[in-house]
Amino acid sequence: MRYKCALLEQELLGWPGLSARPMFGMKAFYRGKAIFAMLPDKRAMESPGAVGYKEGGKWKTFEVEEDVGAALAVLRRVYEGCG
């Protein structure tokens, strides 16, 4: 999972207007001042194989272990929606 999160982080950091900061043992990703995603680092949200994302004002999770490409698509959709 660390490898998959490293791949996701590398991709996310290439998106315009994005920054990352450590938060609660995870990595928080912001578009401008709006937080939209959390990747596990030392801790996880609900499942060690999931990333967290904020959509509609609520935190949700997506299991990455199945499909990194689908996780990236979800994160892209949320990123575009918060800008």
N, C-alpha and C. Protein backbone atom coordinates (compact mmCIF):
# COMPACT_ATOMS: atom_id res chain seq x y z
N MET A 1 0.82 -1.19 0.00
CA MET A 1 0.00 0.00 0.00
C MET A 1 0.87 1.26 0.00
N ARG A 2 2.01 1.21 0.68
CA ARG A 2 2.90 2.38 0.69
C ARG A 2 3.33 2.74 -0.73
N TYR A 3 3.63 1.73 -1.51
CA TYR A 3 4.05 1.98 -2.89
C TYR A 3 2.91 2.62 -3.69
N LYS A 4 1.70 2.11 -3.53
CA LYS A 4 0.56 2.66 -4.25
C LYS A 4 0.27 4.10 -3.82
N CYS A 5 0.38 4.38 -2.54
CA CYS A 5 0.18 5.75 -2.05
C CYS A 5 1.28 6.67 -2.56
N ALA A 6 2.51 6.16 -2.66
CA ALA A 6 3.61 6.97 -3.20
C ALA A 6 3.34 7.31 -4.66
N LEU A 7 2.81 6.36 -5.42
CA LEU A 7 2.45 6.62 -6.81
C LEU A 7 1.35 7.66 -6.91
N LEU A 8 0.32 7.53 -6.08
CA LEU A 8 -0.77 8.50 -6.08
C LEU A 8 -0.26 9.89 -5.69
N GLU A 9 0.58 9.94 -4.66
CA GLU A 9 1.12 11.23 -4.21
C GLU A 9 1.94 11.90 -5.31
N GLN A 10 2.76 11.13 -5.98
CA GLN A 10 3.59 11.67 -7.06
C GLN A 10 2.70 12.25 -8.16
N GLU A 11 1.64 11.57 -8.51
CA GLU A 11 0.73 12.06 -9.54
C GLU A 11 -0.01 13.31 -9.06
N LEU A 12 -0.54 13.27 -7.84
CA LEU A 12 -1.28 14.41 -7.30
C LEU A 12 -0.43 15.67 -7.25
N LEU A 13 0.81 15.55 -6.84
CA LEU A 13 1.67 16.73 -6.70
C LEU A 13 1.97 17.40 -8.04
N GLY A 14 1.68 16.76 -9.14
CA GLY A 14 1.84 17.37 -10.45
C GLY A 14 0.64 18.19 -10.89
N TRP A 15 -0.45 18.13 -10.14
CA TRP A 15 -1.65 18.87 -10.50
C TRP A 15 -1.51 20.34 -10.07
N PRO A 16 -2.00 21.28 -10.87
CA PRO A 16 -1.85 22.70 -10.53
C PRO A 16 -2.62 23.11 -9.28
N GLY A 17 -2.00 24.00 -8.50
CA GLY A 17 -2.64 24.56 -7.32
C GLY A 17 -2.76 23.60 -6.15
N LEU A 18 -2.03 22.50 -6.20
CA LEU A 18 -2.13 21.48 -5.16
C LEU A 18 -0.96 21.57 -4.20
N SER A 19 -1.24 21.36 -2.92
CA SER A 19 -0.18 21.28 -1.91
C SER A 19 -0.50 20.12 -0.98
N ALA A 20 0.52 19.63 -0.28
CA ALA A 20 0.35 18.51 0.64
C ALA A 20 0.99 18.87 1.97
N ARG A 21 0.36 18.42 3.05
CA ARG A 21 0.87 18.65 4.40
C ARG A 21 0.56 17.42 5.25
N PRO A 22 1.44 17.12 6.21
CA PRO A 22 1.11 16.03 7.14
C PRO A 22 -0.03 16.44 8.06
N MET A 23 -0.91 15.48 8.36
CA MET A 23 -2.04 15.76 9.26
C MET A 23 -2.50 14.45 9.90
N PHE A 24 -2.44 14.38 11.21
CA PHE A 24 -2.94 13.24 11.96
C PHE A 24 -2.34 11.91 11.49
N GLY A 25 -1.06 11.90 11.13
CA GLY A 25 -0.41 10.68 10.68
C GLY A 25 -0.73 10.30 9.24
N MET A 26 -1.39 11.20 8.52
CA MET A 26 -1.71 10.98 7.11
C MET A 26 -1.18 12.17 6.31
N LYS A 27 -1.29 12.11 5.00
CA LYS A 27 -0.92 13.24 4.16
C LYS A 27 -2.19 13.86 3.61
N ALA A 28 -2.36 15.13 3.91
CA ALA A 28 -3.54 15.87 3.47
C ALA A 28 -3.20 16.63 2.19
N PHE A 29 -4.12 16.61 1.24
CA PHE A 29 -3.93 17.29 -0.04
C PHE A 29 -4.96 18.39 -0.19
N TYR A 30 -4.48 19.55 -0.59
CA TYR A 30 -5.31 20.75 -0.71
C TYR A 30 -5.26 21.27 -2.14
N ARG A 31 -6.38 21.79 -2.57
CA ARG A 31 -6.42 22.60 -3.80
C ARG A 31 -6.69 24.02 -3.31
N GLY A 32 -5.68 24.85 -3.36
CA GLY A 32 -5.78 26.16 -2.74
C GLY A 32 -5.88 25.96 -1.24
N LYS A 33 -6.97 26.45 -0.64
CA LYS A 33 -7.17 26.29 0.79
C LYS A 33 -8.14 25.17 1.14
N ALA A 34 -8.70 24.52 0.12
CA ALA A 34 -9.69 23.47 0.34
C ALA A 34 -9.03 22.09 0.40
N ILE A 35 -9.23 21.40 1.51
CA ILE A 35 -8.73 20.03 1.63
C ILE A 35 -9.67 19.11 0.85
N PHE A 36 -9.09 18.17 0.11
CA PHE A 36 -9.96 17.27 -0.66
C PHE A 36 -9.58 15.81 -0.55
N ALA A 37 -8.37 15.50 -0.04
CA ALA A 37 -7.97 14.10 0.03
C ALA A 37 -6.98 13.86 1.16
N MET A 38 -6.96 12.61 1.63
CA MET A 38 -6.01 12.16 2.65
C MET A 38 -5.49 10.79 2.23
N LEU A 39 -4.17 10.66 2.22
CA LEU A 39 -3.55 9.37 1.94
C LEU A 39 -2.93 8.83 3.22
N PRO A 40 -3.03 7.52 3.45
CA PRO A 40 -2.43 6.96 4.65
C PRO A 40 -0.91 7.14 4.63
N ASP A 41 -0.35 7.41 5.79
CA ASP A 41 1.10 7.49 5.95
C ASP A 41 1.45 6.61 7.15
N LYS A 42 1.38 7.15 8.33
CA LYS A 42 1.58 6.36 9.54
C LYS A 42 0.27 5.81 10.08
N ARG A 43 -0.84 6.43 9.67
CA ARG A 43 -2.17 6.02 10.09
C ARG A 43 -3.08 5.97 8.87
N ALA A 44 -4.27 5.41 9.07
CA ALA A 44 -5.26 5.34 7.99
C ALA A 44 -6.60 5.81 8.54
N MET A 45 -7.54 6.12 7.65
CA MET A 45 -8.85 6.61 8.08
C MET A 45 -9.71 5.45 8.62
N GLU A 46 -10.16 4.58 7.75
CA GLU A 46 -11.01 3.45 8.17
C GLU A 46 -10.34 2.12 7.88
N SER A 47 -9.69 2.04 6.75
CA SER A 47 -9.05 0.81 6.29
C SER A 47 -7.62 1.14 5.86
N PRO A 48 -6.66 0.30 6.17
CA PRO A 48 -5.29 0.59 5.76
C PRO A 48 -5.09 0.59 4.24
N GLY A 49 -6.04 0.04 3.51
CA GLY A 49 -5.94 -0.01 2.05
C GLY A 49 -6.79 1.04 1.35
N ALA A 50 -7.20 2.08 2.08
CA ALA A 50 -8.11 3.07 1.51
C ALA A 50 -7.54 4.48 1.60
N VAL A 51 -7.93 5.31 0.64
CA VAL A 51 -7.65 6.74 0.69
C VAL A 51 -8.95 7.45 1.07
N GLY A 52 -8.81 8.60 1.70
CA GLY A 52 -9.98 9.38 2.06
C GLY A 52 -10.13 10.56 1.12
N TYR A 53 -11.37 10.93 0.86
CA TYR A 53 -11.62 12.11 0.04
C TYR A 53 -12.88 12.79 0.54
N LYS A 54 -12.93 14.09 0.36
CA LYS A 54 -14.05 14.89 0.84
C LYS A 54 -14.93 15.28 -0.33
N GLU A 55 -16.18 14.85 -0.25
CA GLU A 55 -17.13 15.13 -1.33
C GLU A 55 -18.48 15.48 -0.71
N GLY A 56 -19.03 16.59 -1.14
CA GLY A 56 -20.31 17.02 -0.59
C GLY A 56 -20.24 17.35 0.89
N GLY A 57 -19.06 17.78 1.35
CA GLY A 57 -18.89 18.13 2.76
C GLY A 57 -18.70 16.95 3.68
N LYS A 58 -18.65 15.74 3.14
CA LYS A 58 -18.49 14.54 3.96
C LYS A 58 -17.24 13.76 3.52
N TRP A 59 -16.58 13.14 4.50
CA TRP A 59 -15.43 12.30 4.19
C TRP A 59 -15.91 10.91 3.78
N LYS A 60 -15.31 10.40 2.71
CA LYS A 60 -15.60 9.06 2.21
C LYS A 60 -14.26 8.35 1.99
N THR A 61 -14.30 7.06 1.80
CA THR A 61 -13.07 6.31 1.53
C THR A 61 -13.21 5.51 0.25
N PHE A 62 -12.06 5.19 -0.33
CA PHE A 62 -12.01 4.38 -1.54
C PHE A 62 -10.88 3.38 -1.36
N GLU A 63 -11.17 2.10 -1.54
CA GLU A 63 -10.17 1.05 -1.42
C GLU A 63 -9.22 1.08 -2.62
N VAL A 64 -7.96 1.37 -2.36
CA VAL A 64 -6.96 1.52 -3.42
C VAL A 64 -6.39 0.18 -3.84
N GLU A 65 -6.34 -0.76 -2.94
CA GLU A 65 -5.67 -2.02 -3.23
C GLU A 65 -6.23 -2.71 -4.46
N GLU A 66 -7.48 -2.47 -4.79
CA GLU A 66 -8.09 -3.08 -5.96
C GLU A 66 -7.65 -2.42 -7.26
N ASP A 67 -7.67 -1.10 -7.30
CA ASP A 67 -7.45 -0.41 -8.57
C ASP A 67 -6.93 1.01 -8.34
N VAL A 68 -5.64 1.21 -8.55
CA VAL A 68 -5.02 2.52 -8.36
C VAL A 68 -5.57 3.52 -9.38
N GLY A 69 -5.81 3.08 -10.60
CA GLY A 69 -6.34 3.95 -11.64
C GLY A 69 -7.72 4.48 -11.28
N ALA A 70 -8.57 3.63 -10.71
CA ALA A 70 -9.90 4.07 -10.31
C ALA A 70 -9.81 5.04 -9.13
N ALA A 71 -8.88 4.80 -8.21
CA ALA A 71 -8.67 5.72 -7.09
C ALA A 71 -8.24 7.08 -7.61
N LEU A 72 -7.35 7.09 -8.58
CA LEU A 72 -6.88 8.34 -9.17
C LEU A 72 -8.03 9.08 -9.85
N ALA A 73 -8.91 8.35 -10.51
CA ALA A 73 -10.07 8.97 -11.17
C ALA A 73 -11.00 9.62 -10.14
N VAL A 74 -11.21 8.96 -9.01
CA VAL A 74 -12.04 9.53 -7.94
C VAL A 74 -11.40 10.80 -7.40
N LEU A 75 -10.10 10.74 -7.14
CA LEU A 75 -9.39 11.91 -6.61
C LEU A 75 -9.41 13.06 -7.63
N ARG A 76 -9.30 12.76 -8.90
CA ARG A 76 -9.35 13.80 -9.94
C ARG A 76 -10.72 14.47 -9.95
N ARG A 77 -11.77 13.66 -9.86
CA ARG A 77 -13.13 14.21 -9.85
C ARG A 77 -13.34 15.15 -8.66
N VAL A 78 -12.88 14.73 -7.49
CA VAL A 78 -13.04 15.55 -6.29
C VAL A 78 -12.17 16.81 -6.38
N TYR A 79 -10.96 16.66 -6.90
CA TYR A 79 -10.06 17.80 -7.08
C TYR A 79 -10.71 18.87 -8.00
N GLU A 80 -11.26 18.41 -9.10
CA GLU A 80 -11.90 19.34 -10.04
C GLU A 80 -13.14 19.98 -9.44
N GLY A 81 -13.83 19.26 -8.59
CA GLY A 81 -15.04 19.79 -7.97
C GLY A 81 -14.78 20.81 -6.87
N CYS A 82 -13.58 20.81 -6.31
CA CYS A 82 -13.31 21.76 -5.21
C CYS A 82 -12.61 23.02 -5.69
N GLY A 83 -12.41 23.17 -6.97
CA GLY A 83 -11.72 24.35 -7.48
C GLY A 83 -12.68 25.26 -8.11
